[in-house]
Protein backbone atom coordinates (compact mmCIF):
# COMPACT_ATOMS: atom_id res chain seq x y z
CA MET A 1 0.04 -25.05 -0.55
CA GLU A 2 3.64 -25.47 1.37
CA GLU A 3 5.25 -22.83 -1.05
CA CYS A 4 2.77 -20.15 -0.09
CA SER A 5 2.51 -18.61 3.24
CA ILE A 6 -0.68 -16.76 2.00
CA LYS A 7 -2.81 -18.50 -0.77
CA ALA A 8 -6.13 -17.12 -1.73
CA LYS A 9 -8.48 -18.91 -4.07
CA ASN A 10 -11.16 -16.92 -5.75
CA LEU A 11 -11.89 -14.98 -2.64
CA THR A 12 -15.18 -12.86 -3.11
CA LYS A 13 -17.06 -10.65 -0.73
CA ARG A 14 -20.56 -9.20 -1.53
CA PHE A 15 -22.35 -6.41 0.49
CA GLY A 16 -25.79 -6.48 -1.02
CA GLN A 17 -25.47 -5.83 -4.83
CA LEU A 18 -21.88 -4.40 -4.23
CA ILE A 19 -18.98 -6.74 -5.13
CA ALA A 20 -16.01 -5.34 -2.82
CA VAL A 21 -13.85 -8.29 -3.78
CA ASN A 22 -14.08 -10.22 -7.11
CA ARG A 23 -12.60 -13.61 -7.19
CA VAL A 24 -9.18 -12.60 -5.83
CA SER A 25 -6.31 -15.18 -6.28
CA PHE A 26 -2.70 -15.08 -5.14
CA CYS A 27 0.35 -16.67 -3.56
CA ALA A 28 2.64 -15.06 -1.15
CA ARG A 29 5.58 -16.89 -0.63
CA PRO A 30 7.55 -17.44 2.52
CA GLY A 31 9.64 -14.49 3.56
CA GLU A 32 8.48 -12.05 0.85
CA VAL A 33 6.71 -8.73 0.91
CA TYR A 34 3.63 -8.97 -1.20
CA SER A 35 1.75 -5.84 -1.92
CA LEU A 36 -1.74 -5.24 -2.72
CA LEU A 37 -1.57 -1.64 -4.59
CA GLY A 38 -4.86 0.38 -5.55
CA PRO A 39 -6.67 3.40 -4.67
CA ASN A 40 -9.24 3.59 -1.77
CA GLY A 41 -12.27 1.44 -2.37
CA ALA A 42 -10.42 -1.08 -4.66
CA GLY A 43 -11.11 -4.08 -2.18
CA LYS A 44 -7.62 -4.04 -0.20
CA THR A 45 -8.94 -3.73 3.54
CA THR A 46 -11.82 -6.10 2.77
CA THR A 47 -9.50 -8.72 1.38
CA ILE A 48 -7.13 -8.57 4.68
CA LYS A 49 -10.27 -8.71 6.85
CA MET A 50 -11.11 -11.74 5.26
CA LEU A 51 -7.60 -13.46 5.30
CA ALA A 52 -7.45 -12.22 9.10
CA THR A 53 -10.91 -14.10 9.75
CA LEU A 54 -12.58 -10.87 10.62
CA LEU A 55 -14.99 -11.12 7.63
CA GLN A 56 -16.45 -14.18 6.30
CA PRO A 57 -16.02 -14.52 2.44
CA THR A 58 -19.11 -14.84 0.35
CA ALA A 59 -17.19 -17.17 -1.87
CA GLY A 60 -13.54 -18.65 -2.15
CA GLU A 61 -11.15 -19.80 0.24
CA ALA A 62 -7.74 -18.86 1.64
CA TRP A 63 -4.96 -20.56 3.64
CA ILE A 64 -2.32 -18.99 5.94
CA LYS A 65 0.66 -21.24 6.59
CA GLY A 66 -1.62 -24.07 5.27
CA TYR A 67 -4.48 -23.15 7.88
CA SER A 68 -7.91 -22.80 6.30
CA ILE A 69 -9.63 -19.39 7.22
CA LEU A 70 -12.79 -21.00 6.99
CA ARG A 71 -12.48 -24.24 8.88
CA GLU A 72 -9.22 -23.29 11.18
CA PRO A 73 -9.69 -19.63 12.03
CA HIS A 74 -8.15 -20.01 15.46
CA HIS A 75 -4.93 -21.49 14.08
CA VAL A 76 -4.93 -18.70 11.71
CA ARG A 77 -5.11 -16.13 14.39
CA ARG A 78 -2.15 -17.50 16.29
CA THR A 79 -0.21 -17.34 13.19
CA ILE A 80 -0.68 -13.74 11.98
CA GLY A 81 -0.20 -10.39 13.20
CA LEU A 82 -2.50 -7.62 11.90
CA VAL A 83 -1.80 -3.85 11.88
CA PRO A 84 -5.33 -2.21 10.79
CA GLN A 85 -5.79 1.05 9.24
CA ASP A 86 -7.78 2.24 12.19
CA LEU A 87 -6.26 2.91 15.63
CA THR A 88 -6.38 0.43 18.21
CA ALA A 89 -4.29 1.35 20.96
CA ASP A 90 -5.98 2.81 24.25
CA ASP A 91 -4.97 6.54 24.09
CA GLU A 92 -5.25 6.62 27.96
CA LEU A 93 -2.94 3.65 28.64
CA THR A 94 0.90 3.94 28.12
CA GLY A 95 2.52 2.06 25.14
CA TRP A 96 3.85 -0.44 27.60
CA GLU A 97 0.40 -1.14 28.89
CA ASN A 98 -0.93 -1.57 25.40
CA VAL A 99 1.67 -4.08 24.31
CA LEU A 100 1.66 -5.90 27.49
CA ILE A 101 -2.21 -6.38 27.17
CA GLN A 102 -1.80 -7.72 23.76
CA ALA A 103 0.84 -10.37 25.03
CA ARG A 104 -1.63 -11.53 27.83
CA LEU A 105 -4.39 -11.72 25.21
CA TYR A 106 -2.22 -14.28 23.26
CA GLY A 107 -1.84 -16.40 26.38
CA TYR A 108 1.41 -15.09 27.86
CA SER A 109 1.73 -14.11 31.49
CA GLY A 110 4.49 -12.94 34.09
CA ASN A 111 7.94 -12.67 33.02
CA GLU A 112 7.29 -14.19 29.44
CA ALA A 113 4.65 -11.25 28.84
CA GLU A 114 6.92 -8.60 30.10
CA LYS A 115 9.88 -9.91 28.07
CA ARG A 116 7.80 -10.03 24.77
CA ALA A 117 6.31 -6.62 25.23
CA ARG A 118 10.03 -5.26 25.88
CA GLU A 119 11.28 -6.94 22.99
CA ALA A 120 8.25 -5.54 20.60
CA LEU A 121 8.80 -1.90 21.84
CA GLU A 122 12.65 -2.21 21.63
CA PHE A 123 12.30 -3.37 18.00
CA MET A 124 10.18 -0.47 17.07
CA GLY A 125 12.48 2.06 19.07
CA LEU A 126 9.70 2.97 21.32
CA MET A 127 11.14 1.97 24.73
CA GLU A 128 12.10 5.39 25.92
CA ALA A 129 8.52 6.64 25.27
CA ALA A 130 7.10 3.56 26.81
CA HIS A 131 5.79 4.69 29.86
CA ARG A 132 3.92 7.70 28.33
CA LYS A 133 0.40 7.78 27.55
CA VAL A 134 -0.63 7.08 24.05
CA SER A 135 -2.31 10.51 23.56
CA THR A 136 1.02 12.07 23.79
CA TYR A 137 2.54 10.03 20.81
CA SER A 138 3.21 11.53 17.32
CA GLY A 139 1.60 9.96 14.20
CA GLY A 140 4.61 7.98 13.38
CA MET A 141 4.88 6.64 17.09
CA ARG A 142 1.35 5.58 17.22
CA ARG A 143 1.84 3.46 13.94
CA ARG A 144 5.10 2.05 15.27
CA LEU A 145 2.96 1.06 18.55
CA GLU A 146 0.62 -0.74 16.25
CA VAL A 147 3.13 -2.64 14.77
CA ALA A 148 4.69 -3.48 18.16
CA MET A 149 1.20 -4.97 19.28
CA SER A 150 0.84 -7.00 16.17
CA LEU A 151 4.39 -8.37 16.82
CA VAL A 152 4.37 -9.49 20.50
CA HIS A 153 3.37 -13.20 19.96
CA SER A 154 6.08 -13.50 17.17
CA PRO A 155 3.68 -14.19 14.21
CA GLU A 156 5.24 -15.84 10.97
CA VAL A 157 2.54 -13.67 8.78
CA LEU A 158 2.19 -10.02 8.97
CA PHE A 159 -0.80 -7.94 7.48
CA LEU A 160 -0.01 -4.43 7.24
CA ASP A 161 -2.92 -2.34 5.97
CA GLU A 162 -1.93 1.10 4.78
CA PRO A 163 0.75 1.04 7.64
CA THR A 164 1.86 4.66 6.63
CA LEU A 165 -1.60 6.22 5.89
CA GLY A 166 -1.36 10.16 6.71
CA LEU A 167 2.37 9.88 7.95
CA ASP A 168 5.07 12.58 7.35
CA VAL A 169 7.83 11.70 4.78
CA GLN A 170 10.33 11.16 7.70
CA SER A 171 7.85 8.80 9.77
CA ARG A 172 7.16 6.87 6.62
CA ARG A 173 10.69 6.34 5.83
CA HIS A 174 11.62 5.02 9.37
CA LEU A 175 8.58 2.53 9.15
CA TRP A 176 9.81 1.29 5.70
CA GLY A 177 13.18 0.60 7.48
CA LEU A 178 11.47 -1.40 10.03
CA ILE A 179 9.63 -3.41 7.65
CA GLU A 180 12.71 -4.27 5.74
CA GLU A 181 14.22 -5.44 9.08
CA LEU A 182 11.10 -7.78 9.66
CA LYS A 183 11.51 -9.12 6.11
CA LYS A 184 15.08 -10.05 6.89
CA GLN A 185 13.82 -11.96 9.84
CA GLY A 186 11.88 -14.34 7.39
CA LYS A 187 8.38 -12.92 8.13
CA THR A 188 5.85 -13.18 5.35
CA ILE A 189 4.32 -9.49 4.70
CA LEU A 190 1.26 -8.69 3.07
CA LEU A 191 1.27 -4.99 2.65
CA THR A 192 -1.76 -2.84 1.02
CA THR A 193 -0.94 0.53 0.00
CA HIS A 194 -2.01 3.36 -2.59
CA TYR A 195 1.39 4.77 -2.49
CA MET A 196 3.28 3.54 -5.56
CA GLU A 197 6.60 4.65 -4.29
CA GLU A 198 5.86 2.56 -1.15
CA ALA A 199 5.12 -0.51 -3.25
CA GLU A 200 8.22 -0.18 -5.27
CA ALA A 201 10.34 0.28 -2.38
CA LEU A 202 9.26 -2.71 -0.23
CA ALA A 203 7.54 -5.14 -2.47
CA ASP A 204 9.00 -8.35 -4.02
CA ARG A 205 5.87 -8.61 -6.06
CA VAL A 206 2.90 -6.50 -6.51
CA ALA A 207 -0.92 -7.19 -7.41
CA ILE A 208 -2.49 -4.04 -8.89
CA ILE A 209 -6.15 -4.17 -7.58
CA ASP A 210 -8.84 -2.05 -9.02
CA LEU A 211 -12.65 -2.44 -8.45
CA GLY A 212 -12.21 -5.58 -6.53
CA LYS A 213 -10.07 -7.50 -9.20
CA ILE A 214 -6.41 -7.91 -9.51
CA VAL A 215 -5.74 -6.80 -13.10
CA ALA A 216 -2.01 -7.29 -12.99
CA GLU A 217 0.79 -9.19 -10.79
CA GLY A 218 4.66 -9.28 -10.92
CA SER A 219 7.69 -7.84 -9.44
CA PRO A 220 7.74 -3.76 -9.76
CA GLU A 221 10.23 -4.09 -12.61
CA GLU A 222 8.09 -6.51 -14.49
CA LEU A 223 4.96 -4.40 -14.18
CA LYS A 224 7.01 -1.48 -15.25
CA SER A 225 8.40 -3.21 -18.21
CA ARG A 226 4.57 -3.02 -19.90
CA ILE A 227 5.31 0.56 -20.31
CA LYS A 228 7.38 1.07 -23.19
CA GLY A 229 9.69 4.17 -23.40
CA GLU A 230 9.04 7.38 -21.76
CA VAL A 231 6.17 9.94 -21.48
CA ILE A 232 6.37 13.61 -21.82
CA HIS A 233 3.58 15.66 -20.58
CA LEU A 234 3.36 19.37 -22.11
CA LYS A 235 0.88 21.60 -20.34
CA LEU A 236 -0.41 24.43 -22.16
CA ARG A 237 -1.92 27.69 -21.08
CA ASP A 238 -4.70 27.55 -23.60
CA PRO A 239 -6.47 24.15 -23.66
CA GLY A 240 -7.94 24.84 -27.02
CA LEU A 241 -4.37 24.37 -28.71
CA ALA A 242 -4.04 20.92 -27.36
CA ASN A 243 -5.53 18.96 -30.31
CA GLY A 244 -3.59 20.81 -32.80
CA LEU A 245 -0.44 20.51 -31.00
CA ALA A 246 -1.11 16.74 -30.55
CA GLU A 247 -1.63 16.29 -34.41
CA SER A 248 1.66 18.29 -35.27
CA LEU A 249 3.87 16.36 -32.77
CA ALA A 250 2.46 13.11 -34.03
CA ARG A 251 2.87 14.28 -37.92
CA GLU A 252 6.45 15.75 -37.49
CA LEU A 253 8.04 13.43 -34.79
CA GLY A 254 6.29 10.22 -35.78
CA VAL A 255 5.26 9.58 -32.08
CA GLU A 256 2.06 8.87 -30.23
CA ALA A 257 0.67 12.29 -28.90
CA GLU A 258 -2.73 12.47 -27.19
CA PRO A 259 -4.47 15.66 -26.03
CA LYS A 260 -5.77 15.28 -22.34
CA GLY A 261 -7.51 18.57 -21.45
CA ASP A 262 -4.85 21.21 -21.23
CA THR A 263 -2.11 18.65 -21.59
CA VAL A 264 -0.53 16.74 -24.63
CA VAL A 265 0.72 13.32 -23.44
CA VAL A 266 3.58 12.35 -25.74
CA ARG A 267 5.03 8.74 -25.66
CA VAL A 268 8.52 8.34 -26.93
CA GLN A 269 11.48 5.71 -26.92
CA SER A 270 13.89 8.21 -25.48
CA SER A 271 13.15 11.60 -24.11
CA GLY A 272 16.79 12.69 -24.43
CA GLU A 273 16.69 11.93 -28.02
CA THR A 274 13.30 13.35 -28.90
CA LEU A 275 13.54 16.40 -26.53
CA PRO A 276 15.40 18.78 -28.89
CA SER A 277 13.26 18.29 -31.83
CA LEU A 278 10.11 18.45 -29.71
CA ILE A 279 11.48 21.84 -28.13
CA ARG A 280 11.98 23.20 -31.69
CA LEU A 281 8.61 22.69 -32.75
CA VAL A 282 6.76 23.87 -29.65
CA SER A 283 8.97 27.09 -29.46
CA GLY A 284 6.53 29.92 -29.31
CA MET A 285 3.59 28.14 -27.89
CA PRO A 286 2.08 28.76 -24.44
CA ILE A 287 3.66 26.03 -22.85
CA VAL A 288 3.66 26.46 -19.04
CA GLU A 289 5.26 22.99 -17.98
CA ILE A 290 7.05 20.15 -19.49
CA ARG A 291 7.21 17.03 -17.43
CA ILE A 292 9.06 13.70 -18.23
CA VAL A 293 7.82 10.79 -16.52
CA LYS A 294 9.72 7.22 -16.53
CA PRO A 295 7.95 4.18 -16.25
CA ASN A 296 6.43 3.83 -12.67
CA LEU A 297 3.78 1.80 -11.02
CA GLU A 298 1.40 4.81 -11.43
CA GLU A 299 1.75 4.69 -15.19
CA VAL A 300 1.11 1.07 -15.21
CA PHE A 301 -2.14 1.75 -13.26
CA LEU A 302 -3.12 4.41 -15.67
CA GLU A 303 -2.47 2.11 -18.73
CA LEU A 304 -4.45 -0.79 -17.09
CA THR A 305 -7.37 1.21 -15.90
CA GLY A 306 -7.35 4.65 -17.47
CA ARG A 307 -7.41 6.23 -14.20
CA ARG A 308 -4.79 7.66 -11.99
CA LEU A 309 -3.77 5.74 -8.95
CA ARG A 310 -2.75 8.45 -6.75
CA GLU A 311 -5.29 10.51 -4.93
CA GLU A 312 -5.46 13.98 -3.39
CA GLU A 313 -4.25 14.08 0.13
CA GLY A 314 -5.65 17.35 1.23
CA PHE A 315 -6.17 16.37 4.84
CA ASP A 316 -4.30 14.49 7.24
CA VAL A 317 -6.20 11.18 7.36
CA PHE A 318 -4.30 9.87 10.30
CA ARG A 319 -5.12 13.00 12.38
CA PHE A 320 -8.47 13.30 11.65
CA ARG A 321 -9.18 9.64 12.98
CA VAL A 322 -7.27 10.56 16.27
CA MET A 323 -9.42 13.84 16.62
CA SER A 324 -12.47 11.65 15.93
CA ARG A 325 -11.77 9.19 18.59
CA ARG A 326 -11.04 12.02 21.22
CA VAL A 327 -14.43 13.68 20.07
CA ARG A 328 -16.27 10.26 20.82
CA ARG A 329 -14.93 10.26 24.25
């Protein structure tokens, strides 16, 4: 177990008849970012809650820096920092007060508690706003505050559960940079996300999780190597033409072409070599869009599960949670 900062062995969680996590096993090595990548409902948060000793497994076991989550939960909690999806900071307190309380909950007092609170806020770039009420913070600042609260006791292992959920692109990229800095400090980070670009940008290794099971594991490059060549998507104005077009392209170009609704999906070794001939064949047809997709983690997920990873983000989940908290008050 020494080579694993986080080791899960057959972790399982049932809620009645529902198996939320199904015999999940993995090893996150010291100093790496290990990502659980999957859609909402895949079992990512339930896995983190079990690892953080917030939820008792139905079966299986896990160790954090060698400490058992079942037999040594107190040691596990001293070793980890947790940034949950939900907001934990008190809106009516300042950022400074929230982080200082967290330091005191971990047993620090006086100058030491203040020193740790200051260092955590400075690292997350929040000292200028430290004495403002959290209710005045933007979504990105709130997320950074949550990370600051989780770092105040200098944990060796950090759990980040969808840390950029609902953030705008600029705030997301800022948080990515801070996660990279934490990795340079030697912390082991378990990151859950359903953003494929986040996993590709940050993770040393990725476990694709779906319906409670890990269906594939490896570095982003290793996973993407499962997809051979490139994919061309031809979107038609008339879906009724998709079958005929797919048959024609397969016959004339010797490629794999599959109709999917109003789109024909063509798999090729090289889009640059195939595209000129393909365009000649579809000339005059009611094509409304041609899209070339190079291998990425979303295509890997599609290949493994038959479904798309990306979900519609029709509303800002983060702001909805903030609003809900204020209404409850």
